[in-house]
Amino acid sequence: MTKTIRSRFVHGIGEMVEGFVILEMRTVIPPIPLERRRGVYDYLVEVPPTSLKSESARKTVPERGSFTRATPDQRTGVVRRVPSR
């Protein structure tokens, strides 16, 4: 699997950018040294495949000591709004 990363820094093919290996490089905006302006480059990088977690694994009870917000369905009680004075 691949993805495109845009950068203002020059890297070569085979180098690492943002932790991924560069497969292709394309110049979007060429650099202008007289104006001290950097170029802009698109890098096609190889992304390792990610493992998909099952839905049931995501809906498990969080670990003790893990502070996650409850969804409105998980909260009990009524929220009453007090008018401003």
PDB file of N, CA and C in Angstrom:
ATOM      1  N   MET A   1       0.848  -1.156   0.000  1.00  0.00           N
ATOM      2  CA  MET A   1       0.000   0.000   0.000  1.00  0.00           C
ATOM      3  C   MET A   1       0.908   1.237   0.000  1.00  0.00           C
ATOM      4  N   THR A   2       0.461   2.288  -0.668  1.00  0.00           N
ATOM      5  CA  THR A   2       1.255   3.507  -0.753  1.00  0.00           C
ATOM      6  C   THR A   2       0.411   4.719  -0.367  1.00  0.00           C
ATOM      7  N   LYS A   3       1.098   5.807  -0.054  1.00  0.00           N
ATOM      8  CA  LYS A   3       0.428   7.084   0.173  1.00  0.00           C
ATOM      9  C   LYS A   3       1.387   8.193  -0.230  1.00  0.00           C
ATOM     10  N   THR A   4       0.864   9.397  -0.417  1.00  0.00           N
ATOM     11  CA  THR A   4       1.663  10.537  -0.836  1.00  0.00           C
ATOM     12  C   THR A   4       1.869  11.470   0.336  1.00  0.00           C
ATOM     13  N   ILE A   5       3.119  11.906   0.501  1.00  0.00           N
ATOM     14  CA  ILE A   5       3.474  12.854   1.553  1.00  0.00           C
ATOM     15  C   ILE A   5       4.078  14.077   0.887  1.00  0.00           C
ATOM     16  N   ARG A   6       3.612  15.263   1.262  1.00  0.00           N
ATOM     17  CA  ARG A   6       4.150  16.507   0.720  1.00  0.00           C
ATOM     18  C   ARG A   6       5.130  17.087   1.730  1.00  0.00           C
ATOM     19  N   SER A   7       6.297  17.525   1.239  1.00  0.00           N
ATOM     20  CA  SER A   7       7.330  18.040   2.120  1.00  0.00           C
ATOM     21  C   SER A   7       8.073  19.189   1.443  1.00  0.00           C
ATOM     22  N   ARG A   8       8.649  20.068   2.248  1.00  0.00           N
ATOM     23  CA  ARG A   8       9.478  21.154   1.718  1.00  0.00           C
ATOM     24  C   ARG A   8      10.954  20.783   1.751  1.00  0.00           C
ATOM     25  N   PHE A   9      11.282  19.587   2.164  1.00  0.00           N
ATOM     26  CA  PHE A   9      12.664  19.152   2.262  1.00  0.00           C
ATOM     27  C   PHE A   9      12.974  18.135   1.178  1.00  0.00           C
ATOM     28  N   VAL A  10      14.206  18.167   0.684  1.00  0.00           N
ATOM     29  CA  VAL A  10      14.630  17.267  -0.387  1.00  0.00           C
ATOM     30  C   VAL A  10      15.125  15.965   0.219  1.00  0.00           C
ATOM     31  N   HIS A  11      14.563  14.860  -0.235  1.00  0.00           N
ATOM     32  CA  HIS A  11      15.002  13.520   0.154  1.00  0.00           C
ATOM     33  C   HIS A  11      15.177  12.713  -1.107  1.00  0.00           C
ATOM     34  N   GLY A  12      16.004  11.692  -1.042  1.00  0.00           N
ATOM     35  CA  GLY A  12      16.217  10.834  -2.196  1.00  0.00           C
ATOM     36  C   GLY A  12      15.357   9.584  -2.130  1.00  0.00           C
ATOM     37  N   ILE A  13      15.255   8.919  -3.268  1.00  0.00           N
ATOM     38  CA  ILE A  13      14.499   7.667  -3.332  1.00  0.00           C
ATOM     39  C   ILE A  13      15.227   6.627  -2.491  1.00  0.00           C
ATOM     40  N   GLY A  14      14.483   5.898  -1.680  1.00  0.00           N
ATOM     41  CA  GLY A  14      15.064   4.897  -0.796  1.00  0.00           C
ATOM     42  C   GLY A  14      15.296   5.422   0.610  1.00  0.00           C
ATOM     43  N   GLU A  15      15.273   6.741   0.794  1.00  0.00           N
ATOM     44  CA  GLU A  15      15.438   7.323   2.125  1.00  0.00           C
ATOM     45  C   GLU A  15      14.121   7.236   2.891  1.00  0.00           C
ATOM     46  N   MET A  16      14.183   7.620   4.149  1.00  0.00           N
ATOM     47  CA  MET A  16      12.999   7.595   5.000  1.00  0.00           C
ATOM     48  C   MET A  16      12.455   9.014   5.154  1.00  0.00           C
ATOM     49  N   VAL A  17      11.129   9.140   5.079  1.00  0.00           N
ATOM     50  CA  VAL A  17      10.461  10.399   5.372  1.00  0.00           C
ATOM     51  C   VAL A  17       9.236  10.053   6.218  1.00  0.00           C
ATOM     52  N   GLU A  18       9.132  10.683   7.388  1.00  0.00           N
ATOM     53  CA  GLU A  18       8.051  10.420   8.348  1.00  0.00           C
ATOM     54  C   GLU A  18       7.936   8.936   8.679  1.00  0.00           C
ATOM     55  N   GLY A  19       9.042   8.236   8.672  1.00  0.00           N
ATOM     56  CA  GLY A  19       9.062   6.823   9.035  1.00  0.00           C
ATOM     57  C   GLY A  19       8.707   5.864   7.921  1.00  0.00           C
ATOM     58  N   PHE A  20       8.576   6.332   6.680  1.00  0.00           N
ATOM     59  CA  PHE A  20       8.224   5.493   5.546  1.00  0.00           C
ATOM     60  C   PHE A  20       9.323   5.563   4.488  1.00  0.00           C
ATOM     61  N   VAL A  21       9.453   4.513   3.686  1.00  0.00           N
ATOM     62  CA  VAL A  21      10.461   4.445   2.638  1.00  0.00           C
ATOM     63  C   VAL A  21       9.921   5.115   1.374  1.00  0.00           C
ATOM     64  N   ILE A  22      10.734   6.001   0.770  1.00  0.00           N
ATOM     65  CA  ILE A  22      10.326   6.736  -0.421  1.00  0.00           C
ATOM     66  C   ILE A  22      10.471   5.845  -1.647  1.00  0.00           C
ATOM     67  N   LEU A  23       9.400   5.757  -2.447  1.00  0.00           N
ATOM     68  CA  LEU A  23       9.417   4.994  -3.688  1.00  0.00           C
ATOM     69  C   LEU A  23       9.592   5.908  -4.905  1.00  0.00           C
ATOM     70  N   GLU A  24       8.911   7.054  -4.900  1.00  0.00           N
ATOM     71  CA  GLU A  24       8.989   8.008  -6.002  1.00  0.00           C
ATOM     72  C   GLU A  24       9.023   9.419  -5.448  1.00  0.00           C
ATOM     73  N   MET A  25       9.625  10.341  -6.239  1.00  0.00           N
ATOM     74  CA  MET A  25       9.684  11.742  -5.844  1.00  0.00           C
ATOM     75  C   MET A  25       9.221  12.596  -7.017  1.00  0.00           C
ATOM     76  N   ARG A  26       8.403  13.625  -6.725  1.00  0.00           N
ATOM     77  CA  ARG A  26       7.923  14.533  -7.759  1.00  0.00           C
ATOM     78  C   ARG A  26       8.048  15.957  -7.228  1.00  0.00           C
ATOM     79  N   THR A  27       8.569  16.866  -8.045  1.00  0.00           N
ATOM     80  CA  THR A  27       8.704  18.261  -7.655  1.00  0.00           C
ATOM     81  C   THR A  27       7.416  18.994  -7.988  1.00  0.00           C
ATOM     82  N   VAL A  28       6.773  19.573  -6.975  1.00  0.00           N
ATOM     83  CA  VAL A  28       5.537  20.322  -7.157  1.00  0.00           C
ATOM     84  C   VAL A  28       5.877  21.773  -7.485  1.00  0.00           C
ATOM     85  N   ILE A  29       6.729  22.408  -6.668  1.00  0.00           N
ATOM     86  CA  ILE A  29       7.198  23.769  -6.892  1.00  0.00           C
ATOM     87  C   ILE A  29       8.723  23.730  -6.839  1.00  0.00           C
ATOM     88  N   PRO A  30       9.407  24.118  -7.907  1.00  0.00           N
ATOM     89  CA  PRO A  30      10.871  24.077  -7.889  1.00  0.00           C
ATOM     90  C   PRO A  30      11.437  25.136  -6.945  1.00  0.00           C
ATOM     91  N   PRO A  31      12.598  24.855  -6.349  1.00  0.00           N
ATOM     92  CA  PRO A  31      13.208  25.840  -5.447  1.00  0.00           C
ATOM     93  C   PRO A  31      13.780  27.022  -6.234  1.00  0.00           C
ATOM     94  N   ILE A  32      13.813  28.195  -5.609  1.00  0.00           N
ATOM     95  CA  ILE A  32      14.416  29.389  -6.203  1.00  0.00           C
ATOM     96  C   ILE A  32      15.463  29.905  -5.210  1.00  0.00           C
ATOM     97  N   PRO A  33      16.746  29.518  -5.393  1.00  0.00           N
ATOM     98  CA  PRO A  33      17.788  29.901  -4.430  1.00  0.00           C
ATOM     99  C   PRO A  33      17.990  31.409  -4.319  1.00  0.00           C
ATOM    100  N   LEU A  34      17.829  32.152  -5.422  1.00  0.00           N
ATOM    101  CA  LEU A  34      18.037  33.602  -5.367  1.00  0.00           C
ATOM    102  C   LEU A  34      17.031  34.280  -4.446  1.00  0.00           C
ATOM    103  N   GLU A  35      15.825  33.761  -4.382  1.00  0.00           N
ATOM    104  CA  GLU A  35      14.797  34.306  -3.490  1.00  0.00           C
ATOM    105  C   GLU A  35      14.782  33.601  -2.143  1.00  0.00           C
ATOM    106  N   ARG A  36      15.703  32.680  -1.957  1.00  0.00           N
ATOM    107  CA  ARG A  36      15.807  31.882  -0.734  1.00  0.00           C
ATOM    108  C   ARG A  36      14.501  31.161  -0.441  1.00  0.00           C
ATOM    109  N   ARG A  37      13.892  30.618  -1.505  1.00  0.00           N
ATOM    110  CA  ARG A  37      12.632  29.892  -1.368  1.00  0.00           C
ATOM    111  C   ARG A  37      12.873  28.413  -1.614  1.00  0.00           C
ATOM    112  N   ARG A  38      12.399  27.607  -0.709  1.00  0.00           N
ATOM    113  CA  ARG A  38      12.523  26.157  -0.863  1.00  0.00           C
ATOM    114  C   ARG A  38      11.499  25.651  -1.858  1.00  0.00           C
ATOM    115  N   GLY A  39      11.755  24.474  -2.366  1.00  0.00           N
ATOM    116  CA  GLY A  39      10.794  23.823  -3.241  1.00  0.00           C
ATOM    117  C   GLY A  39       9.800  23.018  -2.431  1.00  0.00           C
ATOM    118  N   VAL A  40       8.800  22.511  -3.122  1.00  0.00           N
ATOM    119  CA  VAL A  40       7.809  21.636  -2.496  1.00  0.00           C
ATOM    120  C   VAL A  40       7.825  20.328  -3.269  1.00  0.00           C
ATOM    121  N   TYR A  41       7.870  19.217  -2.541  1.00  0.00           N
ATOM    122  CA  TYR A  41       8.027  17.912  -3.158  1.00  0.00           C
ATOM    123  C   TYR A  41       6.931  16.966  -2.678  1.00  0.00           C
ATOM    124  N   ASP A  42       6.459  16.108  -3.584  1.00  0.00           N
ATOM    125  CA  ASP A  42       5.548  15.017  -3.242  1.00  0.00           C
ATOM    126  C   ASP A  42       6.341  13.723  -3.254  1.00  0.00           C
ATOM    127  N   TYR A  43       6.193  12.948  -2.208  1.00  0.00           N
ATOM    128  CA  TYR A  43       6.867  11.659  -2.106  1.00  0.00           C
ATOM    129  C   TYR A  43       5.821  10.555  -2.053  1.00  0.00           C
ATOM    130  N   LEU A  44       5.966   9.564  -2.922  1.00  0.00           N
ATOM    131  CA  LEU A  44       5.136   8.370  -2.860  1.00  0.00           C
ATOM    132  C   LEU A  44       5.875   7.393  -1.961  1.00  0.00           C
ATOM    133  N   VAL A  45       5.275   7.040  -0.834  1.00  0.00           N
ATOM    134  CA  VAL A  45       5.946   6.193   0.152  1.00  0.00           C
ATOM    135  C   VAL A  45       5.195   4.885   0.327  1.00  0.00           C
ATOM    136  N   GLU A  46       5.934   3.886   0.768  1.00  0.00           N
ATOM    137  CA  GLU A  46       5.358   2.568   1.024  1.00  0.00           C
ATOM    138  C   GLU A  46       4.884   2.520   2.476  1.00  0.00           C
ATOM    139  N   VAL A  47       3.627   2.145   2.663  1.00  0.00           N
ATOM    140  CA  VAL A  47       3.033   2.069   3.993  1.00  0.00           C
ATOM    141  C   VAL A  47       2.817   0.604   4.322  1.00  0.00           C
ATOM    142  N   PRO A  48       3.316   0.138   5.470  1.00  0.00           N
ATOM    143  CA  PRO A  48       3.065  -1.261   5.832  1.00  0.00           C
ATOM    144  C   PRO A  48       1.585  -1.481   6.102  1.00  0.00           C
ATOM    145  N   PRO A  49       1.060  -2.652   5.768  1.00  0.00           N
ATOM    146  CA  PRO A  49      -0.365  -2.911   6.010  1.00  0.00           C
ATOM    147  C   PRO A  49      -0.665  -2.925   7.503  1.00  0.00           C
ATOM    148  N   THR A  50      -1.818  -2.383   7.863  1.00  0.00           N
ATOM    149  CA  THR A  50      -2.226  -2.365   9.263  1.00  0.00           C
ATOM    150  C   THR A  50      -3.224  -3.474   9.503  1.00  0.00           C
ATOM    151  N   SER A  51      -3.173  -4.027  10.683  1.00  0.00           N
ATOM    152  CA  SER A  51      -4.124  -5.091  11.007  1.00  0.00           C
ATOM    153  C   SER A  51      -5.438  -4.459  11.428  1.00  0.00           C
ATOM    154  N   LEU A  52      -6.521  -4.994  10.929  1.00  0.00           N
ATOM    155  CA  LEU A  52      -7.842  -4.487  11.266  1.00  0.00           C
ATOM    156  C   LEU A  52      -8.349  -5.191  12.513  1.00  0.00           C
ATOM    157  N   LYS A  53      -8.727  -4.404  13.490  1.00  0.00           N
ATOM    158  CA  LYS A  53      -9.269  -4.975  14.718  1.00  0.00           C
ATOM    159  C   LYS A  53     -10.752  -5.225  14.522  1.00  0.00           C
ATOM    160  N   SER A  54     -11.238  -6.257  15.149  1.00  0.00           N
ATOM    161  CA  SER A  54     -12.657  -6.566  15.012  1.00  0.00           C
ATOM    162  C   SER A  54     -13.491  -5.567  15.802  1.00  0.00           C
ATOM    163  N   GLU A  55     -14.747  -5.432  15.438  1.00  0.00           N
ATOM    164  CA  GLU A  55     -15.656  -4.496  16.105  1.00  0.00           C
ATOM    165  C   GLU A  55     -15.824  -4.849  17.578  1.00  0.00           C
ATOM    166  N   SER A  56     -15.839  -6.143  17.895  1.00  0.00           N
ATOM    167  CA  SER A  56     -16.059  -6.534  19.284  1.00  0.00           C
ATOM    168  C   SER A  56     -14.872  -6.146  20.159  1.00  0.00           C
ATOM    169  N   ALA A  57     -13.675  -6.124  19.596  1.00  0.00           N
ATOM    170  CA  ALA A  57     -12.502  -5.747  20.372  1.00  0.00           C
ATOM    171  C   ALA A  57     -12.527  -4.264  20.710  1.00  0.00           C
ATOM    172  N   ARG A  58     -13.147  -3.451  19.867  1.00  0.00           N
ATOM    173  CA  ARG A  58     -13.209  -2.017  20.105  1.00  0.00           C
ATOM    174  C   ARG A  58     -14.254  -1.666  21.164  1.00  0.00           C
ATOM    175  N   LYS A  59     -15.280  -2.485  21.315  1.00  0.00           N
ATOM    176  CA  LYS A  59     -16.373  -2.166  22.220  1.00  0.00           C
ATOM    177  C   LYS A  59     -16.210  -2.813  23.586  1.00  0.00           C
ATOM    178  N   THR A  60     -15.024  -3.277  23.908  1.00  0.00           N
ATOM    179  CA  THR A  60     -14.807  -3.892  25.206  1.00  0.00           C
ATOM    180  C   THR A  60     -14.706  -2.817  26.277  1.00  0.00           C
ATOM    181  N   VAL A  61     -14.809  -3.235  27.503  1.00  0.00           N
ATOM    182  CA  VAL A  61     -14.713  -2.329  28.636  1.00  0.00           C
ATOM    183  C   VAL A  61     -13.270  -1.833  28.732  1.00  0.00           C
ATOM    184  N   PRO A  62     -13.059  -0.520  28.915  1.00  0.00           N
ATOM    185  CA  PRO A  62     -11.690  -0.015  28.998  1.00  0.00           C
ATOM    186  C   PRO A  62     -10.971  -0.532  30.233  1.00  0.00           C
ATOM    187  N   GLU A  63      -9.659  -0.516  30.171  1.00  0.00           N
ATOM    188  CA  GLU A  63      -8.850  -1.000  31.290  1.00  0.00           C
ATOM    189  C   GLU A  63      -9.078  -0.122  32.508  1.00  0.00           C
ATOM    190  N   ARG A  64      -8.829  -0.699  33.666  1.00  0.00           N
ATOM    191  CA  ARG A  64      -8.963   0.081  34.892  1.00  0.00           C
ATOM    192  C   ARG A  64      -7.861   1.137  34.893  1.00  0.00           C
ATOM    193  N   GLY A  65      -8.231   2.355  35.211  1.00  0.00           N
ATOM    194  CA  GLY A  65      -7.266   3.449  35.197  1.00  0.00           C
ATOM    195  C   GLY A  65      -7.259   4.185  33.868  1.00  0.00           C
ATOM    196  N   SER A  66      -8.017   3.686  32.887  1.00  0.00           N
ATOM    197  CA  SER A  66      -8.126   4.356  31.606  1.00  0.00           C
ATOM    198  C   SER A  66      -9.308   5.318  31.697  1.00  0.00           C
ATOM    199  N   PHE A  67      -9.050   6.577  31.396  1.00  0.00           N
ATOM    200  CA  PHE A  67     -10.086   7.580  31.537  1.00  0.00           C
ATOM    201  C   PHE A  67     -10.579   7.994  30.160  1.00  0.00           C
ATOM    202  N   THR A  68     -11.654   7.363  29.705  1.00  0.00           N
ATOM    203  CA  THR A  68     -12.255   7.722  28.426  1.00  0.00           C
ATOM    204  C   THR A  68     -13.626   8.314  28.700  1.00  0.00           C
ATOM    205  N   ARG A  69     -14.050   9.192  27.833  1.00  0.00           N
ATOM    206  CA  ARG A  69     -15.358   9.816  28.003  1.00  0.00           C
ATOM    207  C   ARG A  69     -16.467   8.831  27.674  1.00  0.00           C
ATOM    208  N   ALA A  70     -17.549   8.957  28.387  1.00  0.00           N
ATOM    209  CA  ALA A  70     -18.711   8.117  28.130  1.00  0.00           C
ATOM    210  C   ALA A  70     -19.551   8.758  27.036  1.00  0.00           C
ATOM    211  N   THR A  71     -20.155   7.940  26.227  1.00  0.00           N
ATOM    212  CA  THR A  71     -21.059   8.450  25.206  1.00  0.00           C
ATOM    213  C   THR A  71     -22.373   8.831  25.867  1.00  0.00           C
ATOM    214  N   PRO A  72     -23.204   9.642  25.208  1.00  0.00           N
ATOM    215  CA  PRO A  72     -24.489  10.012  25.821  1.00  0.00           C
ATOM    216  C   PRO A  72     -25.346   8.806  26.183  1.00  0.00           C
ATOM    217  N   ASP A  73     -25.258   7.726  25.412  1.00  0.00           N
ATOM    218  CA  ASP A  73     -26.040   6.528  25.718  1.00  0.00           C
ATOM    219  C   ASP A  73     -25.555   5.849  26.991  1.00  0.00           C
ATOM    220  N   GLN A  74     -24.268   5.982  27.306  1.00  0.00           N
ATOM    221  CA  GLN A  74     -23.705   5.330  28.481  1.00  0.00           C
ATOM    222  C   GLN A  74     -23.963   6.131  29.752  1.00  0.00           C
ATOM    223  N   ARG A  75     -24.212   7.423  29.619  1.00  0.00           N
ATOM    224  CA  ARG A  75     -24.460   8.265  30.782  1.00  0.00           C
ATOM    225  C   ARG A  75     -25.891   8.065  31.276  1.00  0.00           C
ATOM    226  N   THR A  76     -26.045   8.168  32.581  1.00  0.00           N
ATOM    227  CA  THR A  76     -27.388   8.063  33.147  1.00  0.00           C
ATOM    228  C   THR A  76     -27.777   9.401  33.740  1.00  0.00           C
ATOM    229  N   GLY A  77     -29.049   9.611  33.936  1.00  0.00           N
ATOM    230  CA  GLY A  77     -29.517  10.854  34.532  1.00  0.00           C
ATOM    231  C   GLY A  77     -29.928  11.854  33.479  1.00  0.00           C
ATOM    232  N   VAL A  78     -30.409  12.979  33.955  1.00  0.00           N
ATOM    233  CA  VAL A  78     -30.905  14.021  33.071  1.00  0.00           C
ATOM    234  C   VAL A  78     -30.012  15.234  33.227  1.00  0.00           C
ATOM    235  N   VAL A  79     -29.664  15.857  32.131  1.00  0.00           N
ATOM    236  CA  VAL A  79     -28.880  17.084  32.168  1.00  0.00           C
ATOM    237  C   VAL A  79     -29.841  18.254  32.109  1.00  0.00           C
ATOM    238  N   ARG A  80     -29.808  19.095  33.130  1.00  0.00           N
ATOM    239  CA  ARG A  80     -30.692  20.246  33.158  1.00  0.00           C
ATOM    240  C   ARG A  80     -29.867  21.498  32.911  1.00  0.00           C
ATOM    241  N   ARG A  81     -30.381  22.325  32.064  1.00  0.00           N
ATOM    242  CA  ARG A  81     -29.706  23.581  31.744  1.00  0.00           C
ATOM    243  C   ARG A  81     -30.297  24.684  32.614  1.00  0.00           C
ATOM    244  N   VAL A  82     -29.448  25.477  33.238  1.00  0.00           N
ATOM    245  CA  VAL A  82     -29.862  26.582  34.074  1.00  0.00           C
ATOM    246  C   VAL A  82     -29.797  27.839  33.242  1.00  0.00           C
ATOM    247  N   PRO A  83     -30.874  28.621  33.194  1.00  0.00           N
ATOM    248  CA  PRO A  83     -30.836  29.845  32.384  1.00  0.00           C
ATOM    249  C   PRO A  83     -29.841  30.849  32.962  1.00  0.00           C
ATOM    250  N   SER A  84     -29.275  31.679  32.084  1.00  0.00           N
ATOM    251  CA  SER A  84     -28.322  32.686  32.545  1.00  0.00           C
ATOM    252  C   SER A  84     -29.077  33.788  33.284  1.00  0.00           C
ATOM    253  N   ARG A  85     -28.401  34.449  34.171  1.00  0.00           N
ATOM    254  CA  ARG A  85     -29.055  35.481  34.998  1.00  0.00           C
ATOM    255  C   ARG A  85     -29.054  36.812  34.351  1.00  0.00           C
TER     256      ARG A  85
END
